[in-house]
Amino acid sequence: MNLPNDDSRLLLNEDQAAAMLGVSVSMLVKLRAACRHNAGGRQGPAYVKLGKAVRYRIADLEAWIENSLVRPATPPARPIKGRPRKTEPGNAVAA
């Protein structure tokens, strides 16, 4: 049997996929259930169903990781503390 040179097409079982993602197998099961029932807005990685067996492609796991990336917002240039000063623009009181 000739295997493709592209490792991203290889199929991982649940234990291998969980280890790659750093989560438990039960977390993968919950993500699949959430995807099927659209509960909580969470969606897990794409998977392949072979009879009763569940398999994950490495490419799909990597894509899910990229789509799950959260970038923190940039903090303001200077923190705003207390009440604004009267000399700051935009705070003039109309007479």
C-alpha atoms as a PDB file:
ATOM      1  CA  MET A   1       0.000   0.000   0.000  1.00  0.00           C
ATOM      2  CA  ASN A   2       1.334   3.430  -0.939  1.00  0.00           C
ATOM      3  CA  LEU A   3       0.672   6.172   1.585  1.00  0.00           C
ATOM      4  CA  PRO A   4       0.562   9.779   0.418  1.00  0.00           C
ATOM      5  CA  ASN A   5       3.603  11.899   1.239  1.00  0.00           C
ATOM      6  CA  ASP A   6       1.271  14.600   2.550  1.00  0.00           C
ATOM      7  CA  ASP A   7       0.819  13.878   6.282  1.00  0.00           C
ATOM      8  CA  SER A   8      -2.149  16.267   6.465  1.00  0.00           C
ATOM      9  CA  ARG A   9      -4.353  13.629   4.787  1.00  0.00           C
ATOM     10  CA  LEU A  10      -3.556  10.910   7.342  1.00  0.00           C
ATOM     11  CA  LEU A  11      -6.372   9.992   9.711  1.00  0.00           C
ATOM     12  CA  LEU A  12      -5.918  10.114  13.472  1.00  0.00           C
ATOM     13  CA  ASN A  13      -8.087   8.296  15.979  1.00  0.00           C
ATOM     14  CA  GLU A  14      -9.714  10.135  18.882  1.00  0.00           C
ATOM     15  CA  ASP A  15      -6.818   9.518  21.282  1.00  0.00           C
ATOM     16  CA  GLN A  16      -4.255  10.825  18.798  1.00  0.00           C
ATOM     17  CA  ALA A  17      -6.371  13.867  17.883  1.00  0.00           C
ATOM     18  CA  ALA A  18      -6.990  14.697  21.546  1.00  0.00           C
ATOM     19  CA  ALA A  19      -3.256  14.454  22.250  1.00  0.00           C
ATOM     20  CA  MET A  20      -2.463  16.712  19.290  1.00  0.00           C
ATOM     21  CA  LEU A  21      -4.974  19.328  20.483  1.00  0.00           C
ATOM     22  CA  GLY A  22      -4.105  18.978  24.160  1.00  0.00           C
ATOM     23  CA  VAL A  23      -7.688  18.165  25.166  1.00  0.00           C
ATOM     24  CA  SER A  24      -9.420  15.062  26.472  1.00  0.00           C
ATOM     25  CA  VAL A  25     -11.262  12.579  24.292  1.00  0.00           C
ATOM     26  CA  SER A  26     -14.460  13.487  26.149  1.00  0.00           C
ATOM     27  CA  MET A  27     -13.965  17.118  25.062  1.00  0.00           C
ATOM     28  CA  LEU A  28     -13.836  15.981  21.425  1.00  0.00           C
ATOM     29  CA  VAL A  29     -17.040  14.010  21.978  1.00  0.00           C
ATOM     30  CA  LYS A  30     -18.710  17.116  23.467  1.00  0.00           C
ATOM     31  CA  LEU A  31     -17.559  19.256  20.542  1.00  0.00           C
ATOM     32  CA  ARG A  32     -18.990  16.743  18.070  1.00  0.00           C
ATOM     33  CA  ALA A  33     -22.297  16.672  19.957  1.00  0.00           C
ATOM     34  CA  ALA A  34     -22.399  20.489  20.051  1.00  0.00           C
ATOM     35  CA  CYS A  35     -21.787  20.564  16.314  1.00  0.00           C
ATOM     36  CA  ARG A  36     -24.617  18.087  15.650  1.00  0.00           C
ATOM     37  CA  HIS A  37     -27.070  19.885  17.916  1.00  0.00           C
ATOM     38  CA  ASN A  38     -25.681  23.398  17.347  1.00  0.00           C
ATOM     39  CA  ALA A  39     -25.639  23.927  21.107  1.00  0.00           C
ATOM     40  CA  GLY A  40     -23.768  26.819  22.618  1.00  0.00           C
ATOM     41  CA  GLY A  41     -22.380  28.033  19.324  1.00  0.00           C
ATOM     42  CA  ARG A  42     -19.258  25.906  19.756  1.00  0.00           C
ATOM     43  CA  GLN A  43     -18.124  23.902  16.804  1.00  0.00           C
ATOM     44  CA  GLY A  44     -15.392  21.300  16.907  1.00  0.00           C
ATOM     45  CA  PRO A  45     -12.989  20.196  14.209  1.00  0.00           C
ATOM     46  CA  ALA A  46     -14.287  18.383  11.139  1.00  0.00           C
ATOM     47  CA  TYR A  47     -14.180  14.618  11.421  1.00  0.00           C
ATOM     48  CA  VAL A  48     -14.598  11.516   9.289  1.00  0.00           C
ATOM     49  CA  LYS A  49     -17.088   8.826  10.250  1.00  0.00           C
ATOM     50  CA  LEU A  50     -16.076   5.300   9.175  1.00  0.00           C
ATOM     51  CA  GLY A  51     -18.849   3.063  10.444  1.00  0.00           C
ATOM     52  CA  LYS A  52     -18.741   3.627  14.201  1.00  0.00           C
ATOM     53  CA  ALA A  53     -15.151   4.849  14.118  1.00  0.00           C
ATOM     54  CA  VAL A  54     -14.396   8.563  14.239  1.00  0.00           C
ATOM     55  CA  ARG A  55     -11.219   9.834  12.606  1.00  0.00           C
ATOM     56  CA  TYR A  56      -9.675  13.284  12.239  1.00  0.00           C
ATOM     57  CA  ARG A  57      -7.475  14.577   9.416  1.00  0.00           C
ATOM     58  CA  ILE A  58      -4.421  16.489  10.578  1.00  0.00           C
ATOM     59  CA  ALA A  59      -5.242  19.279   8.111  1.00  0.00           C
ATOM     60  CA  ASP A  60      -8.716  19.658   9.647  1.00  0.00           C
ATOM     61  CA  LEU A  61      -7.287  19.803  13.166  1.00  0.00           C
ATOM     62  CA  GLU A  62      -4.758  22.445  12.122  1.00  0.00           C
ATOM     63  CA  ALA A  63      -7.491  24.466  10.369  1.00  0.00           C
ATOM     64  CA  TRP A  64      -9.684  24.287  13.483  1.00  0.00           C
ATOM     65  CA  ILE A  65      -6.791  25.541  15.616  1.00  0.00           C
ATOM     66  CA  GLU A  66      -6.288  28.500  13.253  1.00  0.00           C
ATOM     67  CA  ASN A  67     -10.022  29.302  13.230  1.00  0.00           C
ATOM     68  CA  SER A  68     -10.100  29.171  17.025  1.00  0.00           C
ATOM     69  CA  LEU A  69      -7.311  31.706  17.391  1.00  0.00           C
ATOM     70  CA  VAL A  70      -8.314  34.705  19.494  1.00  0.00           C
ATOM     71  CA  ARG A  71      -6.235  37.841  19.218  1.00  0.00           C
ATOM     72  CA  PRO A  72      -6.411  40.171  22.204  1.00  0.00           C
ATOM     73  CA  ALA A  73      -7.510  43.737  21.591  1.00  0.00           C
ATOM     74  CA  THR A  74      -4.776  46.336  21.699  1.00  0.00           C
ATOM     75  CA  PRO A  75      -4.879  48.343  24.913  1.00  0.00           C
ATOM     76  CA  PRO A  76      -5.531  52.088  24.744  1.00  0.00           C
ATOM     77  CA  ALA A  77      -2.465  54.314  24.363  1.00  0.00           C
ATOM     78  CA  ARG A  78      -2.865  55.589  27.902  1.00  0.00           C
ATOM     79  CA  PRO A  79      -5.250  54.316  30.519  1.00  0.00           C
ATOM     80  CA  ILE A  80      -8.112  56.647  31.338  1.00  0.00           C
ATOM     81  CA  LYS A  81      -8.535  57.040  35.074  1.00  0.00           C
ATOM     82  CA  GLY A  82     -10.937  59.191  36.985  1.00  0.00           C
ATOM     83  CA  ARG A  83     -12.863  62.142  35.616  1.00  0.00           C
ATOM     84  CA  PRO A  84     -11.695  63.901  32.439  1.00  0.00           C
ATOM     85  CA  ARG A  85      -9.935  67.210  32.832  1.00  0.00           C
ATOM     86  CA  LYS A  86     -11.648  70.387  31.750  1.00  0.00           C
ATOM     87  CA  THR A  87      -8.795  71.111  29.355  1.00  0.00           C
ATOM     88  CA  GLU A  88      -9.237  67.862  27.375  1.00  0.00           C
ATOM     89  CA  PRO A  89     -10.858  68.383  23.960  1.00  0.00           C
ATOM     90  CA  GLY A  90     -14.450  67.269  23.572  1.00  0.00           C
ATOM     91  CA  ASN A  91     -15.307  67.973  27.197  1.00  0.00           C
ATOM     92  CA  ALA A  92     -16.284  71.637  26.827  1.00  0.00           C
ATOM     93  CA  VAL A  93     -19.546  72.541  28.498  1.00  0.00           C
ATOM     94  CA  ALA A  94     -21.899  74.651  26.387  1.00  0.00           C
ATOM     95  CA  ALA A  95     -22.845  77.898  28.058  1.00  0.00           C
END
